[in-house]
Amino acid sequence: MKTIKEIENMTITELEKLSQDEGITVPEGFGRSLEETVNLQCRVEALTSEESQPKRRMPLVWMSVAASVAVIAGVGFGIVRHESAPKDTFSDPYLAYAEVEKAFTKMSDGMKKGMAMAEESQAVVGKASAVLERQEILRLRSE
């Protein structure tokens, strides 16, 4: 086995001759791994080059400005909303609960009607798809 200094001092023809020696075993997948490493290194160099840096900095500046505006707006809306928070409309909690229950019952009735309509339409869609399947089978048989 050659040392690193010996390999560094070899000529290109000696290196080519050495690379063609089939007596040297190379681990399976080494070529693919080496190619991936070189490709990744090229990508890293492209991303860290001076030409790509100004392009990358501009979106970061705009994102930080947008984040700052969002934080300030959130705090401002939170303060305004806290000051104008709705007051209780019911003095009796039992009456408030009864109103909520009535609203939920109304929503439940609407959901039941919607589910019934969906079940009816599912039956119609099922019949239509069965007819289409039969037509497709007949078409395939005729070919």
N, C-alpha and C. Protein backbone atom coordinates (compact mmCIF):
# COMPACT_ATOMS: atom_id res chain seq x y z
N MET A 1 0.85 -1.18 0.00
CA MET A 1 0.00 0.00 0.00
C MET A 1 0.89 1.24 0.00
N LYS A 2 0.53 2.16 -0.83
CA LYS A 2 1.32 3.38 -0.99
C LYS A 2 0.89 4.42 0.06
N THR A 3 1.83 5.25 0.42
CA THR A 3 1.51 6.32 1.36
C THR A 3 0.90 7.48 0.57
N ILE A 4 0.32 8.43 1.27
CA ILE A 4 -0.30 9.58 0.63
C ILE A 4 0.75 10.40 -0.12
N LYS A 5 1.94 10.54 0.45
CA LYS A 5 3.00 11.31 -0.22
C LYS A 5 3.40 10.64 -1.52
N GLU A 6 3.49 9.30 -1.53
CA GLU A 6 3.85 8.59 -2.75
C GLU A 6 2.76 8.78 -3.82
N ILE A 7 1.50 8.74 -3.40
CA ILE A 7 0.39 8.92 -4.35
C ILE A 7 0.39 10.33 -4.90
N GLU A 8 0.67 11.32 -4.06
CA GLU A 8 0.70 12.71 -4.51
C GLU A 8 1.82 12.96 -5.52
N ASN A 9 2.92 12.21 -5.41
CA ASN A 9 4.06 12.40 -6.30
C ASN A 9 3.95 11.59 -7.60
N MET A 10 2.89 10.77 -7.76
CA MET A 10 2.74 9.96 -8.95
C MET A 10 2.26 10.81 -10.12
N THR A 11 2.65 10.39 -11.32
CA THR A 11 2.18 11.08 -12.52
C THR A 11 0.79 10.58 -12.87
N ILE A 12 0.16 11.28 -13.83
CA ILE A 12 -1.20 10.91 -14.23
C ILE A 12 -1.20 9.54 -14.89
N THR A 13 -0.20 9.23 -15.68
CA THR A 13 -0.16 7.91 -16.33
C THR A 13 0.01 6.81 -15.30
N GLU A 14 0.79 7.05 -14.27
CA GLU A 14 0.94 6.05 -13.20
C GLU A 14 -0.37 5.86 -12.45
N LEU A 15 -1.06 6.98 -12.21
CA LEU A 15 -2.36 6.89 -11.53
C LEU A 15 -3.39 6.15 -12.37
N GLU A 16 -3.40 6.40 -13.70
CA GLU A 16 -4.32 5.70 -14.59
C GLU A 16 -4.00 4.21 -14.61
N LYS A 17 -2.72 3.88 -14.69
CA LYS A 17 -2.31 2.47 -14.69
C LYS A 17 -2.73 1.80 -13.39
N LEU A 18 -2.55 2.49 -12.29
CA LEU A 18 -2.94 1.95 -10.99
C LEU A 18 -4.45 1.77 -10.88
N SER A 19 -5.23 2.71 -11.49
CA SER A 19 -6.69 2.63 -11.42
C SER A 19 -7.24 1.48 -12.24
N GLN A 20 -6.47 1.03 -13.25
CA GLN A 20 -6.93 -0.07 -14.09
C GLN A 20 -6.54 -1.43 -13.53
N ASP A 21 -5.82 -1.44 -12.45
CA ASP A 21 -5.42 -2.70 -11.82
C ASP A 21 -6.64 -3.37 -11.21
N GLU A 22 -7.02 -4.53 -11.73
CA GLU A 22 -8.21 -5.23 -11.25
C GLU A 22 -7.94 -6.03 -9.98
N GLY A 23 -6.71 -6.11 -9.57
CA GLY A 23 -6.38 -6.81 -8.34
C GLY A 23 -6.81 -6.04 -7.10
N ILE A 24 -7.05 -4.74 -7.28
CA ILE A 24 -7.48 -3.90 -6.17
C ILE A 24 -8.99 -3.99 -6.07
N THR A 25 -9.51 -4.37 -4.91
CA THR A 25 -10.95 -4.48 -4.72
C THR A 25 -11.51 -3.16 -4.19
N VAL A 26 -12.61 -2.77 -4.78
CA VAL A 26 -13.27 -1.54 -4.39
C VAL A 26 -14.60 -1.93 -3.74
N PRO A 27 -14.94 -1.32 -2.60
CA PRO A 27 -16.22 -1.67 -1.95
C PRO A 27 -17.40 -1.42 -2.89
N GLU A 28 -18.42 -2.25 -2.76
CA GLU A 28 -19.61 -2.12 -3.62
C GLU A 28 -20.31 -0.79 -3.35
N GLY A 29 -20.67 -0.10 -4.42
CA GLY A 29 -21.36 1.17 -4.30
C GLY A 29 -20.44 2.35 -4.06
N PHE A 30 -19.11 2.11 -4.06
CA PHE A 30 -18.16 3.19 -3.80
C PHE A 30 -18.20 4.25 -4.89
N GLY A 31 -18.31 3.81 -6.16
CA GLY A 31 -18.37 4.76 -7.27
C GLY A 31 -19.58 5.67 -7.17
N ARG A 32 -20.73 5.08 -6.82
CA ARG A 32 -21.95 5.87 -6.69
C ARG A 32 -21.82 6.84 -5.51
N SER A 33 -21.25 6.35 -4.40
CA SER A 33 -21.08 7.19 -3.23
C SER A 33 -20.12 8.34 -3.53
N LEU A 34 -19.07 8.05 -4.26
CA LEU A 34 -18.09 9.07 -4.61
C LEU A 34 -18.73 10.12 -5.53
N GLU A 35 -19.53 9.64 -6.50
CA GLU A 35 -20.21 10.56 -7.42
C GLU A 35 -21.18 11.46 -6.66
N GLU A 36 -21.93 10.90 -5.72
CA GLU A 36 -22.86 11.69 -4.91
C GLU A 36 -22.10 12.73 -4.09
N THR A 37 -20.96 12.34 -3.54
CA THR A 37 -20.16 13.27 -2.74
C THR A 37 -19.66 14.43 -3.58
N VAL A 38 -19.18 14.13 -4.78
CA VAL A 38 -18.68 15.19 -5.66
C VAL A 38 -19.83 16.12 -6.06
N ASN A 39 -21.00 15.54 -6.40
CA ASN A 39 -22.15 16.37 -6.76
C ASN A 39 -22.58 17.28 -5.61
N LEU A 40 -22.60 16.73 -4.40
CA LEU A 40 -22.97 17.54 -3.24
C LEU A 40 -21.95 18.65 -3.00
N GLN A 41 -20.69 18.33 -3.17
CA GLN A 41 -19.66 19.35 -2.98
C GLN A 41 -19.81 20.47 -4.01
N CYS A 42 -20.15 20.12 -5.25
CA CYS A 42 -20.38 21.15 -6.28
C CYS A 42 -21.57 22.02 -5.92
N ARG A 43 -22.63 21.41 -5.39
CA ARG A 43 -23.82 22.18 -4.99
C ARG A 43 -23.49 23.13 -3.85
N VAL A 44 -22.72 22.63 -2.87
CA VAL A 44 -22.35 23.47 -1.73
C VAL A 44 -21.50 24.65 -2.21
N GLU A 45 -20.57 24.39 -3.10
CA GLU A 45 -19.75 25.49 -3.62
C GLU A 45 -20.60 26.50 -4.37
N ALA A 46 -21.59 26.01 -5.13
CA ALA A 46 -22.47 26.93 -5.87
C ALA A 46 -23.30 27.77 -4.92
N LEU A 47 -23.76 27.17 -3.83
CA LEU A 47 -24.59 27.91 -2.88
C LEU A 47 -23.78 28.90 -2.06
N THR A 48 -22.52 28.58 -1.81
CA THR A 48 -21.71 29.47 -0.97
C THR A 48 -20.88 30.45 -1.78
N SER A 49 -21.00 30.40 -3.10
CA SER A 49 -20.24 31.35 -3.92
C SER A 49 -20.77 32.76 -3.68
N GLU A 50 -19.93 33.74 -3.94
CA GLU A 50 -20.29 35.13 -3.69
C GLU A 50 -21.43 35.59 -4.58
N GLU A 51 -21.58 34.98 -5.77
CA GLU A 51 -22.63 35.40 -6.69
C GLU A 51 -24.01 35.07 -6.15
N SER A 52 -24.14 33.95 -5.43
CA SER A 52 -25.47 33.55 -4.96
C SER A 52 -25.85 34.20 -3.64
N GLN A 53 -24.90 34.77 -2.93
CA GLN A 53 -25.21 35.35 -1.62
C GLN A 53 -26.17 36.54 -1.68
N PRO A 54 -26.00 37.52 -2.57
CA PRO A 54 -26.95 38.64 -2.59
C PRO A 54 -28.37 38.18 -2.90
N LYS A 55 -28.52 37.19 -3.75
CA LYS A 55 -29.84 36.68 -4.09
C LYS A 55 -30.51 36.05 -2.88
N ARG A 56 -29.75 35.41 -2.04
CA ARG A 56 -30.30 34.73 -0.87
C ARG A 56 -30.59 35.69 0.27
N ARG A 57 -29.86 36.78 0.36
CA ARG A 57 -30.04 37.70 1.47
C ARG A 57 -31.32 38.49 1.35
N MET A 58 -31.72 38.84 0.13
CA MET A 58 -32.90 39.68 -0.06
C MET A 58 -34.17 39.02 0.47
N PRO A 59 -34.44 37.76 0.15
CA PRO A 59 -35.65 37.14 0.73
C PRO A 59 -35.59 37.08 2.25
N LEU A 60 -34.40 36.88 2.81
CA LEU A 60 -34.29 36.83 4.27
C LEU A 60 -34.64 38.18 4.89
N VAL A 61 -34.23 39.25 4.24
CA VAL A 61 -34.55 40.59 4.74
C VAL A 61 -36.05 40.80 4.71
N TRP A 62 -36.68 40.45 3.58
CA TRP A 62 -38.13 40.63 3.47
C TRP A 62 -38.90 39.74 4.45
N MET A 63 -38.40 38.51 4.65
CA MET A 63 -39.08 37.63 5.61
C MET A 63 -38.97 38.18 7.03
N SER A 64 -37.84 38.73 7.38
CA SER A 64 -37.70 39.28 8.74
C SER A 64 -38.57 40.52 8.91
N VAL A 65 -38.69 41.33 7.86
CA VAL A 65 -39.57 42.50 7.92
C VAL A 65 -41.03 42.05 8.07
N ALA A 66 -41.43 41.06 7.29
CA ALA A 66 -42.80 40.55 7.36
C ALA A 66 -43.10 39.95 8.74
N ALA A 67 -42.13 39.24 9.30
CA ALA A 67 -42.32 38.66 10.63
C ALA A 67 -42.48 39.76 11.68
N SER A 68 -41.69 40.81 11.57
CA SER A 68 -41.79 41.92 12.52
C SER A 68 -43.16 42.59 12.43
N VAL A 69 -43.62 42.82 11.20
CA VAL A 69 -44.94 43.44 11.02
C VAL A 69 -46.03 42.55 11.59
N ALA A 70 -45.90 41.23 11.38
CA ALA A 70 -46.91 40.30 11.88
C ALA A 70 -46.95 40.32 13.42
N VAL A 71 -45.80 40.36 14.05
CA VAL A 71 -45.75 40.39 15.51
C VAL A 71 -46.38 41.68 16.04
N ILE A 72 -46.02 42.81 15.43
CA ILE A 72 -46.57 44.11 15.88
C ILE A 72 -48.08 44.15 15.68
N ALA A 73 -48.53 43.66 14.51
CA ALA A 73 -49.97 43.65 14.24
C ALA A 73 -50.70 42.73 15.20
N GLY A 74 -50.11 41.58 15.49
CA GLY A 74 -50.74 40.65 16.42
C GLY A 74 -50.89 41.23 17.81
N VAL A 75 -49.85 41.88 18.27
CA VAL A 75 -49.91 42.52 19.60
C VAL A 75 -50.94 43.64 19.58
N GLY A 76 -50.95 44.44 18.51
CA GLY A 76 -51.90 45.55 18.42
C GLY A 76 -53.34 45.06 18.39
N PHE A 77 -53.63 44.05 17.58
CA PHE A 77 -54.99 43.52 17.53
C PHE A 77 -55.39 42.86 18.84
N GLY A 78 -54.40 42.26 19.50
CA GLY A 78 -54.70 41.64 20.80
C GLY A 78 -55.11 42.67 21.83
N ILE A 79 -54.45 43.80 21.84
CA ILE A 79 -54.79 44.87 22.79
C ILE A 79 -56.16 45.44 22.46
N VAL A 80 -56.42 45.72 21.18
CA VAL A 80 -57.71 46.29 20.78
C VAL A 80 -58.83 45.30 21.07
N ARG A 81 -58.58 44.04 20.78
CA ARG A 81 -59.62 43.03 20.99
C ARG A 81 -59.92 42.86 22.48
N HIS A 82 -58.87 42.93 23.29
CA HIS A 82 -59.07 42.77 24.73
C HIS A 82 -59.93 43.90 25.28
N GLU A 83 -59.71 45.09 24.77
CA GLU A 83 -60.49 46.24 25.24
C GLU A 83 -61.95 46.16 24.82
N SER A 84 -62.20 45.58 23.64
CA SER A 84 -63.58 45.52 23.15
C SER A 84 -64.14 44.11 23.23
N ALA A 85 -63.75 43.37 24.26
CA ALA A 85 -64.24 42.00 24.41
C ALA A 85 -65.75 42.02 24.67
N PRO A 86 -66.47 41.07 24.08
CA PRO A 86 -67.92 41.06 24.29
C PRO A 86 -68.27 40.78 25.75
N LYS A 87 -69.35 41.38 26.18
CA LYS A 87 -69.80 41.17 27.57
C LYS A 87 -70.86 40.07 27.56
N ASP A 88 -71.06 39.48 28.70
CA ASP A 88 -72.08 38.44 28.81
C ASP A 88 -73.45 39.02 28.48
N THR A 89 -74.22 38.26 27.69
CA THR A 89 -75.56 38.71 27.33
C THR A 89 -76.62 38.09 28.23
N PHE A 90 -76.22 37.07 28.98
CA PHE A 90 -77.15 36.41 29.88
C PHE A 90 -76.67 36.56 31.32
N SER A 91 -77.58 36.92 32.17
CA SER A 91 -77.21 37.01 33.58
C SER A 91 -77.45 35.66 34.26
N ASP A 92 -78.32 34.84 33.70
CA ASP A 92 -78.62 33.53 34.25
C ASP A 92 -77.88 32.46 33.45
N PRO A 93 -76.95 31.72 34.05
CA PRO A 93 -76.18 30.72 33.31
C PRO A 93 -77.07 29.58 32.77
N TYR A 94 -78.16 29.25 33.47
CA TYR A 94 -79.04 28.19 33.01
C TYR A 94 -79.75 28.60 31.71
N LEU A 95 -80.12 29.85 31.63
CA LEU A 95 -80.75 30.37 30.42
C LEU A 95 -79.75 30.36 29.25
N ALA A 96 -78.51 30.73 29.52
CA ALA A 96 -77.48 30.71 28.49
C ALA A 96 -77.25 29.28 28.00
N TYR A 97 -77.21 28.32 28.92
CA TYR A 97 -77.03 26.92 28.56
C TYR A 97 -78.20 26.43 27.70
N ALA A 98 -79.40 26.85 28.03
CA ALA A 98 -80.59 26.43 27.27
C ALA A 98 -80.51 26.98 25.84
N GLU A 99 -80.03 28.21 25.68
CA GLU A 99 -79.89 28.79 24.34
C GLU A 99 -78.83 28.04 23.52
N VAL A 100 -77.74 27.68 24.17
CA VAL A 100 -76.68 26.92 23.47
C VAL A 100 -77.23 25.57 23.05
N GLU A 101 -77.96 24.93 23.95
CA GLU A 101 -78.56 23.62 23.64
C GLU A 101 -79.52 23.73 22.46
N LYS A 102 -80.30 24.81 22.43
CA LYS A 102 -81.24 25.02 21.34
C LYS A 102 -80.49 25.21 20.01
N ALA A 103 -79.40 25.94 20.05
CA ALA A 103 -78.60 26.15 18.83
C ALA A 103 -77.99 24.84 18.34
N PHE A 104 -77.48 24.02 19.26
CA PHE A 104 -76.90 22.73 18.88
C PHE A 104 -77.98 21.80 18.32
N THR A 105 -79.16 21.83 18.87
CA THR A 105 -80.25 21.00 18.36
C THR A 105 -80.61 21.41 16.94
N LYS A 106 -80.65 22.70 16.69
CA LYS A 106 -80.95 23.20 15.35
C LYS A 106 -79.87 22.75 14.36
N MET A 107 -78.61 22.82 14.77
CA MET A 107 -77.52 22.38 13.91
C MET A 107 -77.61 20.88 13.66
N SER A 108 -77.95 20.11 14.68
CA SER A 108 -78.07 18.66 14.55
C SER A 108 -79.18 18.29 13.58
N ASP A 109 -80.31 19.00 13.65
CA ASP A 109 -81.40 18.73 12.72
C ASP A 109 -80.97 18.99 11.28
N GLY A 110 -80.26 20.09 11.08
CA GLY A 110 -79.75 20.40 9.74
C GLY A 110 -78.78 19.34 9.25
N MET A 111 -77.93 18.86 10.13
CA MET A 111 -76.97 17.81 9.76
C MET A 111 -77.70 16.53 9.38
N LYS A 112 -78.76 16.18 10.12
CA LYS A 112 -79.52 14.96 9.82
C LYS A 112 -80.15 15.06 8.43
N LYS A 113 -80.71 16.24 8.09
CA LYS A 113 -81.30 16.44 6.77
C LYS A 113 -80.23 16.29 5.69
N GLY A 114 -79.07 16.87 5.93
CA GLY A 114 -77.97 16.78 4.96
C GLY A 114 -77.49 15.36 4.79
N MET A 115 -77.41 14.61 5.87
CA MET A 115 -76.98 13.20 5.79
C MET A 115 -77.99 12.37 5.01
N ALA A 116 -79.29 12.63 5.24
CA ALA A 116 -80.33 11.90 4.52
C ALA A 116 -80.22 12.18 3.02
N MET A 117 -80.00 13.44 2.67
CA MET A 117 -79.85 13.79 1.25
C MET A 117 -78.61 13.12 0.66
N ALA A 118 -77.54 13.06 1.42
CA ALA A 118 -76.32 12.42 0.93
C ALA A 118 -76.52 10.93 0.71
N GLU A 119 -77.25 10.28 1.62
CA GLU A 119 -77.52 8.85 1.46
C GLU A 119 -78.37 8.59 0.22
N GLU A 120 -79.38 9.45 -0.02
CA GLU A 120 -80.21 9.30 -1.21
C GLU A 120 -79.37 9.47 -2.48
N SER A 121 -78.53 10.47 -2.48
CA SER A 121 -77.71 10.71 -3.67
C SER A 121 -76.68 9.59 -3.85
N GLN A 122 -76.23 9.00 -2.77
CA GLN A 122 -75.27 7.89 -2.86
C GLN A 122 -75.92 6.70 -3.58
N ALA A 123 -77.19 6.45 -3.29
CA ALA A 123 -77.90 5.36 -3.96
C ALA A 123 -77.98 5.63 -5.47
N VAL A 124 -78.29 6.87 -5.85
CA VAL A 124 -78.39 7.23 -7.27
C VAL A 124 -77.02 7.12 -7.93
N VAL A 125 -75.98 7.60 -7.26
CA VAL A 125 -74.63 7.52 -7.81
C VAL A 125 -74.21 6.07 -7.95
N GLY A 126 -74.57 5.24 -6.98
CA GLY A 126 -74.24 3.82 -7.06
C GLY A 126 -74.87 3.16 -8.27
N LYS A 127 -76.13 3.47 -8.55
CA LYS A 127 -76.80 2.91 -9.72
C LYS A 127 -76.13 3.39 -11.00
N ALA A 128 -75.82 4.69 -11.05
CA ALA A 128 -75.19 5.24 -12.25
C ALA A 128 -73.82 4.62 -12.49
N SER A 129 -73.04 4.45 -11.45
CA SER A 129 -71.71 3.86 -11.64
C SER A 129 -71.82 2.39 -12.03
N ALA A 130 -72.84 1.67 -11.55
CA ALA A 130 -73.03 0.28 -11.96
C ALA A 130 -73.34 0.22 -13.45
N VAL A 131 -74.18 1.13 -13.94
CA VAL A 131 -74.51 1.16 -15.37
C VAL A 131 -73.26 1.47 -16.18
N LEU A 132 -72.47 2.43 -15.73
CA LEU A 132 -71.24 2.78 -16.44
C LEU A 132 -70.24 1.62 -16.46
N GLU A 133 -70.15 0.90 -15.36
CA GLU A 133 -69.26 -0.26 -15.30
C GLU A 133 -69.70 -1.32 -16.29
N ARG A 134 -71.01 -1.58 -16.35
CA ARG A 134 -71.53 -2.58 -17.31
C ARG A 134 -71.20 -2.16 -18.73
N GLN A 135 -71.40 -0.88 -19.04
CA GLN A 135 -71.10 -0.39 -20.39
C GLN A 135 -69.61 -0.53 -20.71
N GLU A 136 -68.76 -0.26 -19.74
CA GLU A 136 -67.31 -0.40 -19.94
C GLU A 136 -66.95 -1.85 -20.19
N ILE A 137 -67.54 -2.77 -19.43
CA ILE A 137 -67.27 -4.21 -19.62
C ILE A 137 -67.71 -4.65 -21.01
N LEU A 138 -68.90 -4.20 -21.43
CA LEU A 138 -69.40 -4.57 -22.76
C LEU A 138 -68.48 -3.99 -23.85
N ARG A 139 -68.00 -2.77 -23.65
CA ARG A 139 -67.12 -2.15 -24.63
C ARG A 139 -65.80 -2.91 -24.74
N LEU A 140 -65.27 -3.34 -23.58
CA LEU A 140 -64.02 -4.07 -23.57
C LEU A 140 -64.18 -5.45 -24.23
N ARG A 141 -65.31 -6.09 -24.02
CA ARG A 141 -65.56 -7.40 -24.62
C ARG A 141 -65.70 -7.29 -26.15
N SER A 142 -66.28 -6.19 -26.60
CA SER A 142 -66.49 -6.03 -28.05
C SER A 142 -65.18 -5.74 -28.77
N GLU A 143 -64.18 -5.26 -28.05
CA GLU A 143 -62.87 -4.97 -28.68
C GLU A 143 -62.14 -6.23 -28.82
